Amino acid sequence: MRGRVGRAAAASWCYLLSSATTPDAEERLAALERSNNGFELAEVDLDLRGEGTILGTRQKGVNDLKLASLRRDRELVGLARDVAFDIVDRDPGLVDHPDIAEEVRFLVDDDDREFLFKN
């Protein structure tokens, strides 16, 4: 909706309607009322939906990281990602990193493994 309401000099109106009466739906509507900042609205949505998963395609709910939050620990997660890519770029089979290979086998099931290698 951003950029679609109030584009000209004339006064504009936007009616927000929802058949859902959940607290999350009410918070989304309240956020739309108080802000036209897309980044702020995305943060509200992230708070309401949850971070989703790292592996797979689920885009809402509790994240599957055990010790970190994608949102709260953004810099740390980015650093861990960079280190992981560096390790895998130099040792794709993790031959020199047997402990990491074992942990990956333990934590990543067949569906997640297929998802990882598909992308």
PDB file of N, CA and C in Angstrom:
ATOM      1  N   MET A   1       0.809  -1.195   0.000  1.00  0.00           N
ATOM      2  CA  MET A   1       0.000   0.000   0.000  1.00  0.00           C
ATOM      3  C   MET A   1       0.849   1.254   0.000  1.00  0.00           C
ATOM      4  N   ARG A   2       2.046   1.165   0.515  1.00  0.00           N
ATOM      5  CA  ARG A   2       2.863   2.353   0.619  1.00  0.00           C
ATOM      6  C   ARG A   2       3.033   3.001  -0.745  1.00  0.00           C
ATOM      7  N   GLY A   3       2.804   4.289  -0.837  1.00  0.00           N
ATOM      8  CA  GLY A   3       2.954   4.998  -2.089  1.00  0.00           C
ATOM      9  C   GLY A   3       1.702   4.968  -2.940  1.00  0.00           C
ATOM     10  N   ARG A   4       0.650   4.334  -2.475  1.00  0.00           N
ATOM     11  CA  ARG A   4      -0.583   4.227  -3.257  1.00  0.00           C
ATOM     12  C   ARG A   4      -1.690   5.113  -2.705  1.00  0.00           C
ATOM     13  N   VAL A   5      -1.520   5.650  -1.511  1.00  0.00           N
ATOM     14  CA  VAL A   5      -2.530   6.495  -0.891  1.00  0.00           C
ATOM     15  C   VAL A   5      -1.921   7.872  -0.698  1.00  0.00           C
ATOM     16  N   GLY A   6      -2.630   8.898  -1.154  1.00  0.00           N
ATOM     17  CA  GLY A   6      -2.168  10.262  -0.924  1.00  0.00           C
ATOM     18  C   GLY A   6      -1.059  10.718  -1.846  1.00  0.00           C
ATOM     19  N   ARG A   7      -1.101  10.337  -3.097  1.00  0.00           N
ATOM     20  CA  ARG A   7      -0.025  10.691  -4.019  1.00  0.00           C
ATOM     21  C   ARG A   7      -0.169  12.107  -4.578  1.00  0.00           C
ATOM     22  N   ALA A   8      -1.365  12.641  -4.608  1.00  0.00           N
ATOM     23  CA  ALA A   8      -1.579  13.971  -5.175  1.00  0.00           C
ATOM     24  C   ALA A   8      -1.795  14.975  -4.047  1.00  0.00           C
ATOM     25  N   ALA A   9      -2.070  16.220  -4.426  1.00  0.00           N
ATOM     26  CA  ALA A   9      -2.235  17.280  -3.433  1.00  0.00           C
ATOM     27  C   ALA A   9      -3.574  17.178  -2.701  1.00  0.00           C
ATOM     28  N   ALA A  10      -4.559  16.508  -3.288  1.00  0.00           N
ATOM     29  CA  ALA A  10      -5.876  16.392  -2.665  1.00  0.00           C
ATOM     30  C   ALA A  10      -5.815  15.458  -1.456  1.00  0.00           C
ATOM     31  N   ALA A  11      -6.690  15.708  -0.507  1.00  0.00           N
ATOM     32  CA  ALA A  11      -6.766  14.847   0.674  1.00  0.00           C
ATOM     33  C   ALA A  11      -7.131  13.425   0.252  1.00  0.00           C
ATOM     34  N   SER A  12      -6.576  12.471   0.924  1.00  0.00           N
ATOM     35  CA  SER A  12      -6.823  11.066   0.599  1.00  0.00           C
ATOM     36  C   SER A  12      -7.299  10.326   1.834  1.00  0.00           C
ATOM     37  N   TRP A  13      -7.986   9.228   1.589  1.00  0.00           N
ATOM     38  CA  TRP A  13      -8.470   8.390   2.667  1.00  0.00           C
ATOM     39  C   TRP A  13      -8.085   6.943   2.403  1.00  0.00           C
ATOM     40  N   CYS A  14      -7.837   6.242   3.465  1.00  0.00           N
ATOM     41  CA  CYS A  14      -7.541   4.815   3.359  1.00  0.00           C
ATOM     42  C   CYS A  14      -8.313   4.128   4.479  1.00  0.00           C
ATOM     43  N   TYR A  15      -9.152   3.196   4.116  1.00  0.00           N
ATOM     44  CA  TYR A  15      -9.918   2.439   5.097  1.00  0.00           C
ATOM     45  C   TYR A  15      -9.258   1.078   5.279  1.00  0.00           C
ATOM     46  N   LEU A  16      -8.949   0.762   6.511  1.00  0.00           N
ATOM     47  CA  LEU A  16      -8.322  -0.522   6.831  1.00  0.00           C
ATOM     48  C   LEU A  16      -9.377  -1.423   7.462  1.00  0.00           C
ATOM     49  N   LEU A  17      -9.673  -2.503   6.790  1.00  0.00           N
ATOM     50  CA  LEU A  17     -10.695  -3.432   7.258  1.00  0.00           C
ATOM     51  C   LEU A  17     -10.099  -4.821   7.419  1.00  0.00           C
ATOM     52  N   SER A  18     -10.592  -5.526   8.410  1.00  0.00           N
ATOM     53  CA  SER A  18     -10.126  -6.890   8.615  1.00  0.00           C
ATOM     54  C   SER A  18     -11.251  -7.701   9.225  1.00  0.00           C
ATOM     55  N   SER A  19     -11.395  -8.913   8.763  1.00  0.00           N
ATOM     56  CA  SER A  19     -12.380  -9.798   9.384  1.00  0.00           C
ATOM     57  C   SER A  19     -11.773 -10.497  10.604  1.00  0.00           C
ATOM     58  N   ALA A  20     -10.460 -10.460  10.703  1.00  0.00           N
ATOM     59  CA  ALA A  20      -9.774 -11.082  11.841  1.00  0.00           C
ATOM     60  C   ALA A  20      -9.831 -10.152  13.048  1.00  0.00           C
ATOM     61  N   THR A  21     -10.112 -10.716  14.204  1.00  0.00           N
ATOM     62  CA  THR A  21     -10.161  -9.908  15.425  1.00  0.00           C
ATOM     63  C   THR A  21      -9.121 -10.376  16.440  1.00  0.00           C
ATOM     64  N   THR A  22      -8.041 -10.948  15.934  1.00  0.00           N
ATOM     65  CA  THR A  22      -6.981 -11.420  16.824  1.00  0.00           C
ATOM     66  C   THR A  22      -6.141 -10.238  17.290  1.00  0.00           C
ATOM     67  N   PRO A  23      -5.451 -10.387  18.385  1.00  0.00           N
ATOM     68  CA  PRO A  23      -4.555  -9.320  18.831  1.00  0.00           C
ATOM     69  C   PRO A  23      -3.494  -8.974  17.768  1.00  0.00           C
ATOM     70  N   ASP A  24      -2.987  -9.986  17.056  1.00  0.00           N
ATOM     71  CA  ASP A  24      -1.994  -9.721  16.004  1.00  0.00           C
ATOM     72  C   ASP A  24      -2.590  -8.884  14.884  1.00  0.00           C
ATOM     73  N   ALA A  25      -3.808  -9.204  14.475  1.00  0.00           N
ATOM     74  CA  ALA A  25      -4.465  -8.440  13.408  1.00  0.00           C
ATOM     75  C   ALA A  25      -4.692  -7.001  13.865  1.00  0.00           C
ATOM     76  N   GLU A  26      -5.129  -6.827  15.094  1.00  0.00           N
ATOM     77  CA  GLU A  26      -5.350  -5.481  15.622  1.00  0.00           C
ATOM     78  C   GLU A  26      -4.041  -4.699  15.698  1.00  0.00           C
ATOM     79  N   GLU A  27      -2.955  -5.362  16.088  1.00  0.00           N
ATOM     80  CA  GLU A  27      -1.655  -4.685  16.154  1.00  0.00           C
ATOM     81  C   GLU A  27      -1.174  -4.283  14.766  1.00  0.00           C
ATOM     82  N   ARG A  28      -1.392  -5.137  13.771  1.00  0.00           N
ATOM     83  CA  ARG A  28      -1.005  -4.792  12.395  1.00  0.00           C
ATOM     84  C   ARG A  28      -1.750  -3.552  11.917  1.00  0.00           C
ATOM     85  N   LEU A  29      -3.051  -3.512  12.175  1.00  0.00           N
ATOM     86  CA  LEU A  29      -3.841  -2.352  11.771  1.00  0.00           C
ATOM     87  C   LEU A  29      -3.391  -1.099  12.525  1.00  0.00           C
ATOM     88  N   ALA A  30      -3.120  -1.235  13.809  1.00  0.00           N
ATOM     89  CA  ALA A  30      -2.648  -0.095  14.597  1.00  0.00           C
ATOM     90  C   ALA A  30      -1.302   0.407  14.073  1.00  0.00           C
ATOM     91  N   ALA A  31      -0.439  -0.506  13.672  1.00  0.00           N
ATOM     92  CA  ALA A  31       0.865  -0.119  13.121  1.00  0.00           C
ATOM     93  C   ALA A  31       0.682   0.655  11.823  1.00  0.00           C
ATOM     94  N   LEU A  32      -0.240   0.220  10.982  1.00  0.00           N
ATOM     95  CA  LEU A  32      -0.519   0.932   9.731  1.00  0.00           C
ATOM     96  C   LEU A  32      -1.074   2.319   9.996  1.00  0.00           C
ATOM     97  N   GLU A  33      -1.834   2.465  11.083  1.00  0.00           N
ATOM     98  CA  GLU A  33      -2.385   3.771  11.438  1.00  0.00           C
ATOM     99  C   GLU A  33      -1.296   4.740  11.898  1.00  0.00           C
ATOM    100  N   ARG A  34      -0.336   4.234  12.645  1.00  0.00           N
ATOM    101  CA  ARG A  34       0.633   5.139  13.258  1.00  0.00           C
ATOM    102  C   ARG A  34       1.886   5.380  12.418  1.00  0.00           C
ATOM    103  N   SER A  35       2.078   4.608  11.351  1.00  0.00           N
ATOM    104  CA  SER A  35       3.328   4.767  10.596  1.00  0.00           C
ATOM    105  C   SER A  35       3.115   4.534   9.107  1.00  0.00           C
ATOM    106  N   ASN A  36       3.872   5.276   8.315  1.00  0.00           N
ATOM    107  CA  ASN A  36       3.924   5.007   6.876  1.00  0.00           C
ATOM    108  C   ASN A  36       5.334   4.591   6.467  1.00  0.00           C
ATOM    109  N   ASN A  37       6.145   4.242   7.470  1.00  0.00           N
ATOM    110  CA  ASN A  37       7.521   3.820   7.251  1.00  0.00           C
ATOM    111  C   ASN A  37       7.544   2.302   7.045  1.00  0.00           C
ATOM    112  N   GLY A  38       7.873   1.876   5.828  1.00  0.00           N
ATOM    113  CA  GLY A  38       7.871   0.454   5.499  1.00  0.00           C
ATOM    114  C   GLY A  38       8.819  -0.367   6.351  1.00  0.00           C
ATOM    115  N   PHE A  39       9.960   0.213   6.736  1.00  0.00           N
ATOM    116  CA  PHE A  39      10.912  -0.520   7.577  1.00  0.00           C
ATOM    117  C   PHE A  39      10.324  -0.752   8.969  1.00  0.00           C
ATOM    118  N   GLU A  40       9.678   0.268   9.518  1.00  0.00           N
ATOM    119  CA  GLU A  40       9.046   0.123  10.830  1.00  0.00           C
ATOM    120  C   GLU A  40       7.927  -0.914  10.771  1.00  0.00           C
ATOM    121  N   LEU A  41       7.131  -0.887   9.713  1.00  0.00           N
ATOM    122  CA  LEU A  41       6.047  -1.861   9.562  1.00  0.00           C
ATOM    123  C   LEU A  41       6.599  -3.279   9.417  1.00  0.00           C
ATOM    124  N   ALA A  42       7.723  -3.420   8.730  1.00  0.00           N
ATOM    125  CA  ALA A  42       8.353  -4.739   8.600  1.00  0.00           C
ATOM    126  C   ALA A  42       8.834  -5.245   9.962  1.00  0.00           C
ATOM    127  N   GLU A  43       9.337  -4.349  10.803  1.00  0.00           N
ATOM    128  CA  GLU A  43       9.777  -4.746  12.150  1.00  0.00           C
ATOM    129  C   GLU A  43       8.588  -5.206  12.992  1.00  0.00           C
ATOM    130  N   VAL A  44       7.462  -4.494  12.888  1.00  0.00           N
ATOM    131  CA  VAL A  44       6.256  -4.904  13.609  1.00  0.00           C
ATOM    132  C   VAL A  44       5.822  -6.286  13.137  1.00  0.00           C
ATOM    133  N   ASP A  45       5.822  -6.479  11.828  1.00  0.00           N
ATOM    134  CA  ASP A  45       5.434  -7.775  11.274  1.00  0.00           C
ATOM    135  C   ASP A  45       6.370  -8.880  11.755  1.00  0.00           C
ATOM    136  N   LEU A  46       7.671  -8.595  11.777  1.00  0.00           N
ATOM    137  CA  LEU A  46       8.645  -9.578  12.264  1.00  0.00           C
ATOM    138  C   LEU A  46       8.386  -9.917  13.728  1.00  0.00           C
ATOM    139  N   ASP A  47       8.085  -8.903  14.536  1.00  0.00           N
ATOM    140  CA  ASP A  47       7.773  -9.157  15.948  1.00  0.00           C
ATOM    141  C   ASP A  47       6.548 -10.055  16.087  1.00  0.00           C
ATOM    142  N   LEU A  48       5.540  -9.829  15.247  1.00  0.00           N
ATOM    143  CA  LEU A  48       4.292 -10.586  15.351  1.00  0.00           C
ATOM    144  C   LEU A  48       4.410 -11.996  14.776  1.00  0.00           C
ATOM    145  N   ARG A  49       5.085 -12.139  13.648  1.00  0.00           N
ATOM    146  CA  ARG A  49       5.171 -13.433  12.965  1.00  0.00           C
ATOM    147  C   ARG A  49       6.255 -14.323  13.526  1.00  0.00           C
ATOM    148  N   GLY A  50       7.323 -13.723  14.020  1.00  0.00           N
ATOM    149  CA  GLY A  50       8.494 -14.498  14.410  1.00  0.00           C
ATOM    150  C   GLY A  50       9.474 -14.548  13.246  1.00  0.00           C
ATOM    151  N   GLU A  51      10.629 -15.076  13.503  1.00  0.00           N
ATOM    152  CA  GLU A  51      11.722 -15.036  12.527  1.00  0.00           C
ATOM    153  C   GLU A  51      11.671 -16.144  11.487  1.00  0.00           C
ATOM    154  N   GLY A  52      10.934 -17.195  11.766  1.00  0.00           N
ATOM    155  CA  GLY A  52      10.914 -18.313  10.823  1.00  0.00           C
ATOM    156  C   GLY A  52      12.157 -19.167  10.970  1.00  0.00           C
ATOM    157  N   THR A  53      12.399 -19.971   9.966  1.00  0.00           N
ATOM    158  CA  THR A  53      13.504 -20.921  10.054  1.00  0.00           C
ATOM    159  C   THR A  53      14.658 -20.541   9.140  1.00  0.00           C
ATOM    160  N   ILE A  54      15.835 -21.018   9.481  1.00  0.00           N
ATOM    161  CA  ILE A  54      17.017 -20.830   8.648  1.00  0.00           C
ATOM    162  C   ILE A  54      16.976 -21.837   7.506  1.00  0.00           C
ATOM    163  N   LEU A  55      16.657 -23.069   7.842  1.00  0.00           N
ATOM    164  CA  LEU A  55      16.574 -24.139   6.855  1.00  0.00           C
ATOM    165  C   LEU A  55      15.115 -24.377   6.502  1.00  0.00           C
ATOM    166  N   GLY A  56      14.863 -24.693   5.255  1.00  0.00           N
ATOM    167  CA  GLY A  56      13.503 -24.975   4.827  1.00  0.00           C
ATOM    168  C   GLY A  56      12.795 -23.723   4.354  1.00  0.00           C
ATOM    169  N   THR A  57      11.490 -23.826   4.248  1.00  0.00           N
ATOM    170  CA  THR A  57      10.723 -22.748   3.635  1.00  0.00           C
ATOM    171  C   THR A  57       9.723 -22.092   4.576  1.00  0.00           C
ATOM    172  N   ARG A  58       9.674 -22.507   5.829  1.00  0.00           N
ATOM    173  CA  ARG A  58       8.728 -21.903   6.783  1.00  0.00           C
ATOM    174  C   ARG A  58       9.152 -20.469   7.075  1.00  0.00           C
ATOM    175  N   GLN A  59       8.251 -19.522   6.815  1.00  0.00           N
ATOM    176  CA  GLN A  59       8.605 -18.113   6.929  1.00  0.00           C
ATOM    177  C   GLN A  59       7.987 -17.436   8.137  1.00  0.00           C
ATOM    178  N   LYS A  60       7.463 -18.198   9.056  1.00  0.00           N
ATOM    179  CA  LYS A  60       6.944 -17.580  10.270  1.00  0.00           C
ATOM    180  C   LYS A  60       7.135 -18.546  11.420  1.00  0.00           C
ATOM    181  N   GLY A  61       7.011 -18.013  12.612  1.00  0.00           N
ATOM    182  CA  GLY A  61       7.145 -18.844  13.802  1.00  0.00           C
ATOM    183  C   GLY A  61       8.512 -18.693  14.441  1.00  0.00           C
ATOM    184  N   VAL A  62       8.769 -19.544  15.390  1.00  0.00           N
ATOM    185  CA  VAL A  62      10.022 -19.508  16.144  1.00  0.00           C
ATOM    186  C   VAL A  62      11.173 -19.918  15.239  1.00  0.00           C
ATOM    187  N   ASN A  63      12.293 -19.221  15.359  1.00  0.00           N
ATOM    188  CA  ASN A  63      13.443 -19.585  14.526  1.00  0.00           C
ATOM    189  C   ASN A  63      14.056 -20.883  15.025  1.00  0.00           C
ATOM    190  N   ASP A  64      14.872 -21.498  14.177  1.00  0.00           N
ATOM    191  CA  ASP A  64      15.466 -22.773  14.556  1.00  0.00           C
ATOM    192  C   ASP A  64      16.895 -22.626  15.068  1.00  0.00           C
ATOM    193  N   LEU A  65      17.322 -21.416  15.335  1.00  0.00           N
ATOM    194  CA  LEU A  65      18.618 -21.223  15.975  1.00  0.00           C
ATOM    195  C   LEU A  65      18.459 -21.471  17.469  1.00  0.00           C
ATOM    196  N   LYS A  66      19.384 -22.178  18.054  1.00  0.00           N
ATOM    197  CA  LYS A  66      19.267 -22.524  19.466  1.00  0.00           C
ATOM    198  C   LYS A  66      19.804 -21.427  20.399  1.00  0.00           C
ATOM    199  N   LEU A  67      20.836 -20.721  19.964  1.00  0.00           N
ATOM    200  CA  LEU A  67      21.490 -19.776  20.862  1.00  0.00           C
ATOM    201  C   LEU A  67      21.425 -18.328  20.399  1.00  0.00           C
ATOM    202  N   ALA A  68      20.828 -18.075  19.247  1.00  0.00           N
ATOM    203  CA  ALA A  68      20.850 -16.714  18.709  1.00  0.00           C
ATOM    204  C   ALA A  68      19.491 -16.354  18.128  1.00  0.00           C
ATOM    205  N   SER A  69      19.323 -15.092  17.923  1.00  0.00           N
ATOM    206  CA  SER A  69      18.135 -14.563  17.263  1.00  0.00           C
ATOM    207  C   SER A  69      18.607 -13.826  16.017  1.00  0.00           C
ATOM    208  N   LEU A  70      17.974 -14.103  14.896  1.00  0.00           N
ATOM    209  CA  LEU A  70      18.363 -13.407  13.659  1.00  0.00           C
ATOM    210  C   LEU A  70      18.249 -11.902  13.836  1.00  0.00           C
ATOM    211  N   ARG A  71      17.280 -11.482  14.578  1.00  0.00           N
ATOM    212  CA  ARG A  71      17.047 -10.052  14.753  1.00  0.00           C
ATOM    213  C   ARG A  71      17.973  -9.456  15.811  1.00  0.00           C
ATOM    214  N   ARG A  72      17.977 -10.034  16.978  1.00  0.00           N
ATOM    215  CA  ARG A  72      18.754  -9.494  18.093  1.00  0.00           C
ATOM    216  C   ARG A  72      20.261  -9.617  17.858  1.00  0.00           C
ATOM    217  N   ASP A  73      20.686 -10.716  17.243  1.00  0.00           N
ATOM    218  CA  ASP A  73      22.107 -11.007  17.079  1.00  0.00           C
ATOM    219  C   ASP A  73      22.537 -10.910  15.613  1.00  0.00           C
ATOM    220  N   ARG A  74      21.965  -9.965  14.905  1.00  0.00           N
ATOM    221  CA  ARG A  74      22.193  -9.838  13.465  1.00  0.00           C
ATOM    222  C   ARG A  74      23.681  -9.820  13.104  1.00  0.00           C
ATOM    223  N   GLU A  75      24.476  -9.036  13.817  1.00  0.00           N
ATOM    224  CA  GLU A  75      25.911  -8.952  13.498  1.00  0.00           C
ATOM    225  C   GLU A  75      26.628 -10.268  13.765  1.00  0.00           C
ATOM    226  N   LEU A  76      26.303 -10.904  14.880  1.00  0.00           N
ATOM    227  CA  LEU A  76      26.930 -12.180  15.230  1.00  0.00           C
ATOM    228  C   LEU A  76      26.550 -13.269  14.225  1.00  0.00           C
ATOM    229  N   VAL A  77      25.287 -13.299  13.825  1.00  0.00           N
ATOM    230  CA  VAL A  77      24.833 -14.286  12.838  1.00  0.00           C
ATOM    231  C   VAL A  77      25.541 -14.037  11.502  1.00  0.00           C
ATOM    232  N   GLY A  78      25.706 -12.774  11.131  1.00  0.00           N
ATOM    233  CA  GLY A  78      26.424 -12.443   9.894  1.00  0.00           C
ATOM    234  C   GLY A  78      27.875 -12.893   9.948  1.00  0.00           C
ATOM    235  N   LEU A  79      28.520 -12.683  11.080  1.00  0.00           N
ATOM    236  CA  LEU A  79      29.905 -13.124  11.250  1.00  0.00           C
ATOM    237  C   LEU A  79      29.999 -14.646  11.171  1.00  0.00           C
ATOM    238  N   ALA A  80      29.089 -15.338  11.835  1.00  0.00           N
ATOM    239  CA  ALA A  80      29.079 -16.814  11.791  1.00  0.00           C
ATOM    240  C   ALA A  80      28.871 -17.302  10.364  1.00  0.00           C
ATOM    241  N   ARG A  81      28.012 -16.631   9.626  1.00  0.00           N
ATOM    242  CA  ARG A  81      27.778 -16.999   8.221  1.00  0.00           C
ATOM    243  C   ARG A  81      29.055 -16.846   7.403  1.00  0.00           C
ATOM    244  N   ASP A  82      29.746 -15.721   7.596  1.00  0.00           N
ATOM    245  CA  ASP A  82      30.993 -15.490   6.862  1.00  0.00           C
ATOM    246  C   ASP A  82      32.037 -16.563   7.184  1.00  0.00           C
ATOM    247  N   VAL A  83      32.169 -16.910   8.462  1.00  0.00           N
ATOM    248  CA  VAL A  83      33.123 -17.943   8.876  1.00  0.00           C
ATOM    249  C   VAL A  83      32.735 -19.284   8.265  1.00  0.00           C
ATOM    250  N   ALA A  84      31.444 -19.610   8.282  1.00  0.00           N
ATOM    251  CA  ALA A  84      30.979 -20.885   7.718  1.00  0.00           C
ATOM    252  C   ALA A  84      31.286 -20.955   6.226  1.00  0.00           C
ATOM    253  N   PHE A  85      31.028 -19.878   5.497  1.00  0.00           N
ATOM    254  CA  PHE A  85      31.336 -19.875   4.067  1.00  0.00           C
ATOM    255  C   PHE A  85      32.830 -20.021   3.823  1.00  0.00           C
ATOM    256  N   ASP A  86      33.633 -19.381   4.649  1.00  0.00           N
ATOM    257  CA  ASP A  86      35.092 -19.484   4.509  1.00  0.00           C
ATOM    258  C   ASP A  86      35.541 -20.932   4.710  1.00  0.00           C
ATOM    259  N   ILE A  87      35.008 -21.589   5.730  1.00  0.00           N
ATOM    260  CA  ILE A  87      35.367 -22.986   5.996  1.00  0.00           C
ATOM    261  C   ILE A  87      34.939 -23.878   4.839  1.00  0.00           C
ATOM    262  N   VAL A  88      33.687 -23.746   4.401  1.00  0.00           N
ATOM    263  CA  VAL A  88      33.161 -24.616   3.346  1.00  0.00           C
ATOM    264  C   VAL A  88      33.823 -24.322   1.999  1.00  0.00           C
ATOM    265  N   ASP A  89      34.162 -23.066   1.730  1.00  0.00           N
ATOM    266  CA  ASP A  89      34.870 -22.745   0.482  1.00  0.00           C
ATOM    267  C   ASP A  89      36.224 -23.445   0.421  1.00  0.00           C
ATOM    268  N   ARG A  90      36.922 -23.500   1.573  1.00  0.00           N
ATOM    269  CA  ARG A  90      38.237 -24.132   1.606  1.00  0.00           C
ATOM    270  C   ARG A  90      38.170 -25.654   1.779  1.00  0.00           C
ATOM    271  N   ASP A  91      37.077 -26.139   2.369  1.00  0.00           N
ATOM    272  CA  ASP A  91      36.963 -27.569   2.684  1.00  0.00           C
ATOM    273  C   ASP A  91      35.515 -28.022   2.487  1.00  0.00           C
ATOM    274  N   PRO A  92      35.045 -28.123   1.230  1.00  0.00           N
ATOM    275  CA  PRO A  92      33.630 -28.417   0.958  1.00  0.00           C
ATOM    276  C   PRO A  92      33.118 -29.704   1.595  1.00  0.00           C
ATOM    277  N   GLY A  93      33.932 -30.717   1.700  1.00  0.00           N
ATOM    278  CA  GLY A  93      33.506 -31.975   2.316  1.00  0.00           C
ATOM    279  C   GLY A  93      33.718 -32.012   3.808  1.00  0.00           C
ATOM    280  N   LEU A  94      34.243 -30.939   4.370  1.00  0.00           N
ATOM    281  CA  LEU A  94      34.565 -30.826   5.796  1.00  0.00           C
ATOM    282  C   LEU A  94      35.493 -31.941   6.263  1.00  0.00           C
ATOM    283  N   VAL A  95      36.374 -32.371   5.361  1.00  0.00           N
ATOM    284  CA  VAL A  95      37.338 -33.422   5.678  1.00  0.00           C
ATOM    285  C   VAL A  95      38.268 -32.991   6.808  1.00  0.00           C
ATOM    286  N   ASP A  96      38.696 -31.733   6.769  1.00  0.00           N
ATOM    287  CA  ASP A  96      39.588 -31.215   7.807  1.00  0.00           C
ATOM    288  C   ASP A  96      38.839 -30.720   9.044  1.00  0.00           C
ATOM    289  N   HIS A  97      37.539 -30.855   9.030  1.00  0.00           N
ATOM    290  CA  HIS A  97      36.707 -30.379  10.139  1.00  0.00           C
ATOM    291  C   HIS A  97      35.696 -31.468  10.529  1.00  0.00           C
ATOM    292  N   PRO A  98      36.165 -32.621  10.998  1.00  0.00           N
ATOM    293  CA  PRO A  98      35.261 -33.742  11.274  1.00  0.00           C
ATOM    294  C   PRO A  98      34.216 -33.438  12.357  1.00  0.00           C
ATOM    295  N   ASP A  99      34.568 -32.613  13.334  1.00  0.00           N
ATOM    296  CA  ASP A  99      33.597 -32.285  14.385  1.00  0.00           C
ATOM    297  C   ASP A  99      32.426 -31.481  13.811  1.00  0.00           C
ATOM    298  N   ILE A 100      32.740 -30.546  12.915  1.00  0.00           N
ATOM    299  CA  ILE A 100      31.675 -29.759  12.281  1.00  0.00           C
ATOM    300  C   ILE A 100      30.829 -30.666  11.392  1.00  0.00           C
ATOM    301  N   ALA A 101      31.479 -31.552  10.638  1.00  0.00           N
ATOM    302  CA  ALA A 101      30.746 -32.472   9.762  1.00  0.00           C
ATOM    303  C   ALA A 101      29.787 -33.333  10.580  1.00  0.00           C
ATOM    304  N   GLU A 102      30.250 -33.830  11.708  1.00  0.00           N
ATOM    305  CA  GLU A 102      29.393 -34.659  12.559  1.00  0.00           C
ATOM    306  C   GLU A 102      28.215 -33.851  13.100  1.00  0.00           C
ATOM    307  N   GLU A 103      28.459 -32.625  13.497  1.00  0.00           N
ATOM    308  CA  GLU A 103      27.393 -31.755  14.014  1.00  0.00           C
ATOM    309  C   GLU A 103      26.361 -31.461  12.929  1.00  0.00           C
ATOM    310  N   VAL A 104      26.817 -31.226  11.714  1.00  0.00           N
ATOM    311  CA  VAL A 104      25.903 -30.978  10.597  1.00  0.00           C
ATOM    312  C   VAL A 104      25.047 -32.216  10.353  1.00  0.00           C
ATOM    313  N   ARG A 105      25.655 -33.374  10.337  1.00  0.00           N
ATOM    314  CA  ARG A 105      24.890 -34.619  10.149  1.00  0.00           C
ATOM    315  C   ARG A 105      23.853 -34.801  11.253  1.00  0.00           C
ATOM    316  N   PHE A 106      24.208 -34.415  12.469  1.00  0.00           N
ATOM    317  CA  PHE A 106      23.305 -34.551  13.606  1.00  0.00           C
ATOM    318  C   PHE A 106      22.140 -33.560  13.536  1.00  0.00           C
ATOM    319  N   LEU A 107      22.425 -32.334  13.136  1.00  0.00           N
ATOM    320  CA  LEU A 107      21.424 -31.268  13.175  1.00  0.00           C
ATOM    321  C   LEU A 107      20.582 -31.123  11.911  1.00  0.00           C
ATOM    322  N   VAL A 108      21.111 -31.556  10.785  1.00  0.00           N
ATOM    323  CA  VAL A 108      20.430 -31.325   9.509  1.00  0.00           C
ATOM    324  C   VAL A 108      19.819 -32.634   9.025  1.00  0.00           C
ATOM    325  N   ASP A 109      18.476 -32.676   8.974  1.00  0.00           N
ATOM    326  CA  ASP A 109      17.820 -33.897   8.506  1.00  0.00           C
ATOM    327  C   ASP A 109      17.817 -33.936   6.972  1.00  0.00           C
ATOM    328  N   ASP A 110      17.283 -35.015   6.404  1.00  0.00           N
ATOM    329  CA  ASP A 110      17.327 -35.214   4.950  1.00  0.00           C
ATOM    330  C   ASP A 110      16.629 -34.089   4.188  1.00  0.00           C
ATOM    331  N   ASP A 111      15.468 -33.632   4.671  1.00  0.00           N
ATOM    332  CA  ASP A 111      14.754 -32.551   3.998  1.00  0.00           C
ATOM    333  C   ASP A 111      15.567 -31.257   4.007  1.00  0.00           C
ATOM    334  N   ASP A 112      16.150 -30.938   5.162  1.00  0.00           N
ATOM    335  CA  ASP A 112      16.971 -29.729   5.260  1.00  0.00           C
ATOM    336  C   ASP A 112      18.210 -29.844   4.381  1.00  0.00           C
ATOM    337  N   ARG A 113      18.806 -31.017   4.343  1.00  0.00           N
ATOM    338  CA  ARG A 113      19.994 -31.235   3.523  1.00  0.00           C
ATOM    339  C   ARG A 113      19.663 -31.000   2.043  1.00  0.00           C
ATOM    340  N   GLU A 114      18.516 -31.523   1.611  1.00  0.00           N
ATOM    341  CA  GLU A 114      18.076 -31.326   0.217  1.00  0.00           C
ATOM    342  C   GLU A 114      17.867 -29.838  -0.053  1.00  0.00           C
ATOM    343  N   PHE A 115      17.253 -29.134   0.901  1.00  0.00           N
ATOM    344  CA  PHE A 115      17.020 -27.691   0.756  1.00  0.00           C
ATOM    345  C   PHE A 115      18.351 -26.941   0.636  1.00  0.00           C
ATOM    346  N   LEU A 116      19.317 -27.303   1.483  1.00  0.00           N
ATOM    347  CA  LEU A 116      20.615 -26.642   1.455  1.00  0.00           C
ATOM    348  C   LEU A 116      21.305 -26.783   0.103  1.00  0.00           C
ATOM    349  N   PHE A 117      21.311 -27.992  -0.418  1.00  0.00           N
ATOM    350  CA  PHE A 117      22.035 -28.235  -1.651  1.00  0.00           C
ATOM    351  C   PHE A 117      21.265 -27.794  -2.882  1.00  0.00           C
ATOM    352  N   LYS A 118      19.964 -27.581  -2.744  1.00  0.00           N
ATOM    353  CA  LYS A 118      19.152 -27.077  -3.849  1.00  0.00           C
ATOM    354  C   LYS A 118      19.470 -25.615  -4.113  1.00  0.00           C
ATOM    355  N   ASN A 119      19.808 -24.895  -3.072  1.00  0.00           N
ATOM    356  CA  ASN A 119      20.045 -23.467  -3.193  1.00  0.00           C
ATOM    357  C   ASN A 119      21.509 -23.181  -3.290  1.00  0.00           C
TER     358      ASN A 119
END
